[in-house]
Each structure stands twice: as structure tokens, then as C-alpha cells.
Amino acid sequence: MDIPFQNQILQDDLEDSSREAEFLRRLVGSYRDLYIYVLSIVGNRTDADDVTQEVCAVLWEKFDEFDPDRNFRKWASGFAFNVAKSFMRQQRRRRGFGLSDEILARIAFVQTAGTELFELRRERLHDCLTKLGKRDSRFLMDCYGNRTTLVRYARSHGIPVASVYTRLKRLRKNLVECVHRSLRRHDET
């Protein structure tokens, strides 16, 4: 015998569990960035560990506000800033000195801008890597993706080590130029 609304209840449970899984996946994926963000505000690794753990607890408490369609890092960073700022206020009261909320906000702004620029550069690098030919892509993967040294790579392919370094230098230069071109096009739009 079916219980009325049983299918809807089961569907809601599935959606909640998949939403929780997505939340946890994003939290784990963002943990390092959140830690670095908090560290830039509190300035001490031990304190950053404690504050970041508190941020995770706050984020879990705010799970109902989690929207999978929004930028998780940006959302979580808002909470991280508030928790870190609160921590720094406590430190300031206890010590009798410390950075003002305005200075903390500036530090957080610079950290956020740097992170966003890094993320944008990483996206552009990925795009540039996809434009490489198969031979160059394979070469980069062999040199950087495998657990081998460049000397071993050169020996196994019967080429001089200097040739490997020269080719890598050329490819890195081309990738840097590609990223810069892409960022300039992004700025112009």
C-alpha cells in the first residue's frame, strides 16, 4: 500500500541528500582558499586553523541558505570574513591593540581580488592548453604530469636535456602570451 505523498517525500530526501553532497563537495574544494583567506586576515596559522574550523561550522549552520547556482567561494568568503573579523575584534579587546575593521576589510578585499585574478588566469591557462597541438600537450603531460624528472624524460626519448628545457621554455612562453592575450580581450569587453 502506498502512503500518500510517499514519492514526493522520497524525492525531497534525495534532493536534500544530493544538495548536502554538493555543499560538502564545494566546501571541501574551497577549504584551502577559505583557509588562505582567513590567514590573510588573522595572520597566524594556528588562529587560522581555529577560525577556518569555526567558518565551516557556521557554513553548515547556514546550509539552508546554500544555493548551488551561486558562487560558493564568494558566499562562503562572506561568512569567513565575518568570523575572522569577530575573532580579530576579540583579540584586539584582549590585547588592547590590533587592526581596525576598515583595515581588515581592505586586506580581505585585496585577498579576494588576488584570488579572483588567479582563478581567471587559471581558466585562461586551461583554455590556452586546449589550443595546443597533441604533440605539445603530450610533451607537457609527460614532463609535468608524470612522476619523472626531465633528465629521465630526455634519456628515455633519446634527446639532449637542453632540448627538453628549450622546448619547455618555448611552450611556457607561448602559454603566458596566450593567457595575457586572453586577459586583454577580457578587459576590452
C-alpha atoms as a PDB file:
ATOM      1  CA  MET A   1       0.000   0.000   0.000  1.00  0.00           C
ATOM      2  CA  ASP A   2       1.336   3.429  -0.968  1.00  0.00           C
ATOM      3  CA  ILE A   3       1.469   6.145   1.600  1.00  0.00           C
ATOM      4  CA  PRO A   4       0.109   9.429   0.199  1.00  0.00           C
ATOM      5  CA  PHE A   5       2.908  11.732  -0.912  1.00  0.00           C
ATOM      6  CA  GLN A   6       5.477   8.940  -0.396  1.00  0.00           C
ATOM      7  CA  ASN A   7       7.087   9.622  -3.769  1.00  0.00           C
ATOM      8  CA  GLN A   8       7.305  13.339  -3.014  1.00  0.00           C
ATOM      9  CA  ILE A   9       8.861  12.646   0.409  1.00  0.00           C
ATOM     10  CA  LEU A  10      11.410  10.296  -1.135  1.00  0.00           C
ATOM     11  CA  GLN A  11      12.189  12.844  -3.849  1.00  0.00           C
ATOM     12  CA  ASP A  12      12.656  15.579  -1.228  1.00  0.00           C
ATOM     13  CA  ASP A  13      15.024  13.298   0.730  1.00  0.00           C
ATOM     14  CA  LEU A  14      17.025  12.583  -2.426  1.00  0.00           C
ATOM     15  CA  GLU A  15      17.218  16.271  -3.284  1.00  0.00           C
ATOM     16  CA  ASP A  16      18.316  17.122   0.262  1.00  0.00           C
ATOM     17  CA  SER A  17      20.991  14.425   0.286  1.00  0.00           C
ATOM     18  CA  SER A  18      22.297  15.427  -3.146  1.00  0.00           C
ATOM     19  CA  ARG A  19      22.212  19.085  -2.076  1.00  0.00           C
ATOM     20  CA  GLU A  20      24.161  18.157   1.065  1.00  0.00           C
ATOM     21  CA  ALA A  21      26.639  16.200  -1.022  1.00  0.00           C
ATOM     22  CA  GLU A  22      27.054  19.175  -3.370  1.00  0.00           C
ATOM     23  CA  PHE A  23      27.501  21.513  -0.403  1.00  0.00           C
ATOM     24  CA  LEU A  24      30.153  19.258   1.132  1.00  0.00           C
ATOM     25  CA  ARG A  25      31.920  18.806  -2.218  1.00  0.00           C
ATOM     26  CA  ARG A  26      32.137  22.568  -2.649  1.00  0.00           C
ATOM     27  CA  LEU A  27      33.190  23.114   0.958  1.00  0.00           C
ATOM     28  CA  VAL A  28      35.993  20.585   0.632  1.00  0.00           C
ATOM     29  CA  GLY A  29      37.007  22.097  -2.713  1.00  0.00           C
ATOM     30  CA  SER A  30      37.053  25.593  -1.213  1.00  0.00           C
ATOM     31  CA  TYR A  31      38.625  24.755   2.137  1.00  0.00           C
ATOM     32  CA  ARG A  32      42.172  25.688   1.169  1.00  0.00           C
ATOM     33  CA  ASP A  33      41.044  29.015  -0.333  1.00  0.00           C
ATOM     34  CA  LEU A  34      38.975  29.773   2.767  1.00  0.00           C
ATOM     35  CA  TYR A  35      41.949  28.945   4.978  1.00  0.00           C
ATOM     36  CA  ILE A  36      44.239  31.252   2.978  1.00  0.00           C
ATOM     37  CA  TYR A  37      41.598  33.979   3.072  1.00  0.00           C
ATOM     38  CA  VAL A  38      41.250  33.664   6.857  1.00  0.00           C
ATOM     39  CA  LEU A  39      45.030  33.510   7.267  1.00  0.00           C
ATOM     40  CA  SER A  40      45.375  36.785   5.362  1.00  0.00           C
ATOM     41  CA  ILE A  41      43.092  38.395   7.948  1.00  0.00           C
ATOM     42  CA  VAL A  42      44.233  36.788  11.209  1.00  0.00           C
ATOM     43  CA  GLY A  43      47.926  36.495  10.282  1.00  0.00           C
ATOM     44  CA  ASN A  44      48.675  33.381  12.325  1.00  0.00           C
ATOM     45  CA  ARG A  45      48.449  29.763  11.148  1.00  0.00           C
ATOM     46  CA  THR A  46      47.204  28.357  14.449  1.00  0.00           C
ATOM     47  CA  ASP A  47      44.498  31.011  14.698  1.00  0.00           C
ATOM     48  CA  ALA A  48      43.640  30.498  11.010  1.00  0.00           C
ATOM     49  CA  ASP A  49      43.125  26.768  11.672  1.00  0.00           C
ATOM     50  CA  ASP A  50      40.719  27.515  14.513  1.00  0.00           C
ATOM     51  CA  VAL A  51      38.876  30.291  12.676  1.00  0.00           C
ATOM     52  CA  THR A  52      38.526  28.226   9.499  1.00  0.00           C
ATOM     53  CA  GLN A  53      37.036  25.371  11.514  1.00  0.00           C
ATOM     54  CA  GLU A  54      34.579  27.854  13.012  1.00  0.00           C
ATOM     55  CA  VAL A  55      33.780  29.114   9.491  1.00  0.00           C
ATOM     56  CA  CYS A  56      32.947  25.545   8.449  1.00  0.00           C
ATOM     57  CA  ALA A  57      30.610  25.194  11.434  1.00  0.00           C
ATOM     58  CA  VAL A  58      28.902  28.485  10.556  1.00  0.00           C
ATOM     59  CA  LEU A  59      28.556  27.444   6.923  1.00  0.00           C
ATOM     60  CA  TRP A  60      26.936  24.191   7.985  1.00  0.00           C
ATOM     61  CA  GLU A  61      24.530  26.155  10.206  1.00  0.00           C
ATOM     62  CA  LYS A  62      23.723  28.305   7.144  1.00  0.00           C
ATOM     63  CA  PHE A  63      23.161  25.268   4.899  1.00  0.00           C
ATOM     64  CA  ASP A  64      19.552  26.315   4.287  1.00  0.00           C
ATOM     65  CA  GLU A  65      20.860  29.474   2.598  1.00  0.00           C
ATOM     66  CA  PHE A  66      23.135  27.452   0.293  1.00  0.00           C
ATOM     67  CA  ASP A  67      22.232  27.934  -3.353  1.00  0.00           C
ATOM     68  CA  PRO A  68      24.031  25.543  -5.733  1.00  0.00           C
ATOM     69  CA  ASP A  69      23.588  28.061  -8.554  1.00  0.00           C
ATOM     70  CA  ARG A  70      25.622  30.749  -6.761  1.00  0.00           C
ATOM     71  CA  ASN A  71      29.381  31.085  -6.451  1.00  0.00           C
ATOM     72  CA  PHE A  72      30.146  29.030  -3.341  1.00  0.00           C
ATOM     73  CA  ARG A  73      33.554  30.574  -2.641  1.00  0.00           C
ATOM     74  CA  LYS A  74      32.151  34.077  -2.734  1.00  0.00           C
ATOM     75  CA  TRP A  75      29.239  33.090  -0.493  1.00  0.00           C
ATOM     76  CA  ALA A  76      31.498  31.269   1.973  1.00  0.00           C
ATOM     77  CA  SER A  77      34.067  34.078   1.960  1.00  0.00           C
ATOM     78  CA  GLY A  78      31.445  36.473   3.304  1.00  0.00           C
ATOM     79  CA  PHE A  79      30.980  34.258   6.337  1.00  0.00           C
ATOM     80  CA  ALA A  80      34.729  33.713   6.633  1.00  0.00           C
ATOM     81  CA  PHE A  81      35.306  37.458   6.705  1.00  0.00           C
ATOM     82  CA  ASN A  82      32.717  37.976   9.433  1.00  0.00           C
ATOM     83  CA  VAL A  83      34.045  35.133  11.596  1.00  0.00           C
ATOM     84  CA  ALA A  84      37.655  36.291  11.142  1.00  0.00           C
ATOM     85  CA  LYS A  85      36.695  39.901  11.858  1.00  0.00           C
ATOM     86  CA  SER A  86      34.905  38.831  15.036  1.00  0.00           C
ATOM     87  CA  PHE A  87      37.975  36.840  16.070  1.00  0.00           C
ATOM     88  CA  MET A  88      40.222  39.831  15.453  1.00  0.00           C
ATOM     89  CA  ARG A  89      37.912  42.088  17.487  1.00  0.00           C
ATOM     90  CA  GLN A  90      38.202  39.666  20.402  1.00  0.00           C
ATOM     91  CA  GLN A  91      41.975  39.677  20.011  1.00  0.00           C
ATOM     92  CA  ARG A  92      42.018  43.474  19.852  1.00  0.00           C
ATOM     93  CA  ARG A  93      39.951  43.742  23.060  1.00  0.00           C
ATOM     94  CA  ARG A  94      42.103  41.182  24.851  1.00  0.00           C
ATOM     95  CA  ARG A  95      45.423  42.703  23.764  1.00  0.00           C
ATOM     96  CA  GLY A  96      44.346  46.321  23.724  1.00  0.00           C
ATOM     97  CA  PHE A  97      45.559  46.849  20.145  1.00  0.00           C
ATOM     98  CA  GLY A  98      45.047  45.452  16.667  1.00  0.00           C
ATOM     99  CA  LEU A  99      43.863  46.219  13.172  1.00  0.00           C
ATOM    100  CA  SER A 100      40.668  48.177  12.681  1.00  0.00           C
ATOM    101  CA  ASP A 101      37.659  46.701  10.879  1.00  0.00           C
ATOM    102  CA  GLU A 102      38.404  49.039   7.955  1.00  0.00           C
ATOM    103  CA  ILE A 103      41.947  47.698   7.574  1.00  0.00           C
ATOM    104  CA  LEU A 104      40.672  44.121   7.861  1.00  0.00           C
ATOM    105  CA  ALA A 105      38.140  44.845   5.119  1.00  0.00           C
ATOM    106  CA  ARG A 106      40.915  46.216   2.893  1.00  0.00           C
ATOM    107  CA  ILE A 107      43.043  43.134   3.495  1.00  0.00           C
ATOM    108  CA  ALA A 108      40.070  40.907   2.667  1.00  0.00           C
ATOM    109  CA  PHE A 109      39.385  42.923  -0.490  1.00  0.00           C
ATOM    110  CA  VAL A 110      42.969  42.574  -1.713  1.00  0.00           C
ATOM    111  CA  GLN A 111      42.946  38.845  -0.936  1.00  0.00           C
ATOM    112  CA  THR A 112      39.629  38.354  -2.756  1.00  0.00           C
ATOM    113  CA  ALA A 113      40.789  40.338  -5.777  1.00  0.00           C
ATOM    114  CA  GLY A 114      44.010  38.333  -5.921  1.00  0.00           C
ATOM    115  CA  THR A 115      42.113  35.057  -5.699  1.00  0.00           C
ATOM    116  CA  GLU A 116      39.689  36.110  -8.431  1.00  0.00           C
ATOM    117  CA  LEU A 117      42.574  37.159 -10.688  1.00  0.00           C
ATOM    118  CA  PHE A 118      44.341  33.859 -10.050  1.00  0.00           C
ATOM    119  CA  GLU A 119      41.148  31.940 -10.850  1.00  0.00           C
ATOM    120  CA  LEU A 120      40.649  33.927 -14.056  1.00  0.00           C
ATOM    121  CA  ARG A 121      44.269  33.290 -15.094  1.00  0.00           C
ATOM    122  CA  ARG A 122      43.852  29.595 -14.359  1.00  0.00           C
ATOM    123  CA  GLU A 123      40.716  29.458 -16.538  1.00  0.00           C
ATOM    124  CA  ARG A 124      42.556  31.232 -19.351  1.00  0.00           C
ATOM    125  CA  LEU A 125      45.522  28.871 -18.996  1.00  0.00           C
ATOM    126  CA  HIS A 126      43.166  25.912 -19.303  1.00  0.00           C
ATOM    127  CA  ASP A 127      41.724  27.445 -22.495  1.00  0.00           C
ATOM    128  CA  CYS A 128      45.223  28.008 -23.855  1.00  0.00           C
ATOM    129  CA  LEU A 129      46.250  24.447 -23.035  1.00  0.00           C
ATOM    130  CA  THR A 130      43.303  23.126 -25.030  1.00  0.00           C
ATOM    131  CA  LYS A 131      44.551  25.076 -28.055  1.00  0.00           C
ATOM    132  CA  LEU A 132      47.926  23.306 -28.051  1.00  0.00           C
ATOM    133  CA  GLY A 133      48.614  20.616 -30.578  1.00  0.00           C
ATOM    134  CA  LYS A 134      48.530  16.980 -29.493  1.00  0.00           C
ATOM    135  CA  ARG A 135      52.301  16.677 -29.642  1.00  0.00           C
ATOM    136  CA  ASP A 136      52.873  19.695 -27.365  1.00  0.00           C
ATOM    137  CA  SER A 137      50.091  18.642 -24.977  1.00  0.00           C
ATOM    138  CA  ARG A 138      51.574  15.185 -24.686  1.00  0.00           C
ATOM    139  CA  PHE A 139      55.039  16.639 -24.142  1.00  0.00           C
ATOM    140  CA  LEU A 140      53.796  18.857 -21.288  1.00  0.00           C
ATOM    141  CA  MET A 141      51.899  15.959 -19.731  1.00  0.00           C
ATOM    142  CA  ASP A 142      54.965  13.743 -19.952  1.00  0.00           C
ATOM    143  CA  CYS A 143      57.178  16.406 -18.384  1.00  0.00           C
ATOM    144  CA  TYR A 144      54.847  17.721 -15.695  1.00  0.00           C
ATOM    145  CA  GLY A 145      52.099  15.157 -15.273  1.00  0.00           C
ATOM    146  CA  ASN A 146      54.200  12.072 -14.724  1.00  0.00           C
ATOM    147  CA  ARG A 147      56.447  11.413 -11.807  1.00  0.00           C
ATOM    148  CA  THR A 148      59.648  11.577 -13.745  1.00  0.00           C
ATOM    149  CA  THR A 149      62.485  14.025 -14.000  1.00  0.00           C
ATOM    150  CA  LEU A 150      63.261  15.946 -17.142  1.00  0.00           C
ATOM    151  CA  VAL A 151      66.614  14.171 -17.309  1.00  0.00           C
ATOM    152  CA  ARG A 152      64.880  10.774 -17.306  1.00  0.00           C
ATOM    153  CA  TYR A 153      62.411  12.016 -19.912  1.00  0.00           C
ATOM    154  CA  ALA A 154      65.263  13.158 -22.158  1.00  0.00           C
ATOM    155  CA  ARG A 155      67.122   9.875 -21.746  1.00  0.00           C
ATOM    156  CA  SER A 156      64.039   7.760 -22.419  1.00  0.00           C
ATOM    157  CA  HIS A 157      63.340   9.718 -25.623  1.00  0.00           C
ATOM    158  CA  GLY A 158      66.965   9.871 -26.711  1.00  0.00           C
ATOM    159  CA  ILE A 159      67.160  13.669 -26.818  1.00  0.00           C
ATOM    160  CA  PRO A 160      69.508  16.115 -25.107  1.00  0.00           C
ATOM    161  CA  VAL A 161      68.291  17.510 -21.780  1.00  0.00           C
ATOM    162  CA  ALA A 162      68.961  21.025 -23.085  1.00  0.00           C
ATOM    163  CA  SER A 163      66.442  20.380 -25.880  1.00  0.00           C
ATOM    164  CA  VAL A 164      63.785  19.440 -23.324  1.00  0.00           C
ATOM    165  CA  TYR A 165      64.430  22.629 -21.343  1.00  0.00           C
ATOM    166  CA  THR A 166      64.404  24.742 -24.516  1.00  0.00           C
ATOM    167  CA  ARG A 167      61.117  23.269 -25.685  1.00  0.00           C
ATOM    168  CA  LEU A 168      59.534  23.708 -22.248  1.00  0.00           C
ATOM    169  CA  LYS A 169      60.726  27.307 -22.118  1.00  0.00           C
ATOM    170  CA  ARG A 170      59.193  27.990 -25.534  1.00  0.00           C
ATOM    171  CA  LEU A 171      55.882  26.348 -24.612  1.00  0.00           C
ATOM    172  CA  ARG A 172      55.678  28.195 -21.284  1.00  0.00           C
ATOM    173  CA  LYS A 173      56.385  31.487 -23.048  1.00  0.00           C
ATOM    174  CA  ASN A 174      53.660  30.762 -25.617  1.00  0.00           C
ATOM    175  CA  LEU A 175      51.192  29.851 -22.868  1.00  0.00           C
ATOM    176  CA  VAL A 176      51.968  33.018 -20.890  1.00  0.00           C
ATOM    177  CA  GLU A 177      51.459  35.115 -24.026  1.00  0.00           C
ATOM    178  CA  CYS A 178      48.195  33.285 -24.769  1.00  0.00           C
ATOM    179  CA  VAL A 179      46.928  33.952 -21.211  1.00  0.00           C
ATOM    180  CA  HIS A 180      47.883  37.643 -21.470  1.00  0.00           C
ATOM    181  CA  ARG A 181      46.132  37.993 -24.843  1.00  0.00           C
ATOM    182  CA  SER A 182      43.055  36.337 -23.458  1.00  0.00           C
ATOM    183  CA  LEU A 183      43.034  38.603 -20.387  1.00  0.00           C
ATOM    184  CA  ARG A 184      43.432  41.694 -22.604  1.00  0.00           C
ATOM    185  CA  ARG A 185      40.449  40.570 -24.691  1.00  0.00           C
ATOM    186  CA  HIS A 186      38.522  40.016 -21.472  1.00  0.00           C
ATOM    187  CA  ASP A 187      39.392  43.558 -20.290  1.00  0.00           C
ATOM    188  CA  GLU A 188      38.293  45.062 -23.601  1.00  0.00           C
ATOM    189  CA  THR A 189      34.822  43.545 -23.376  1.00  0.00           C
END
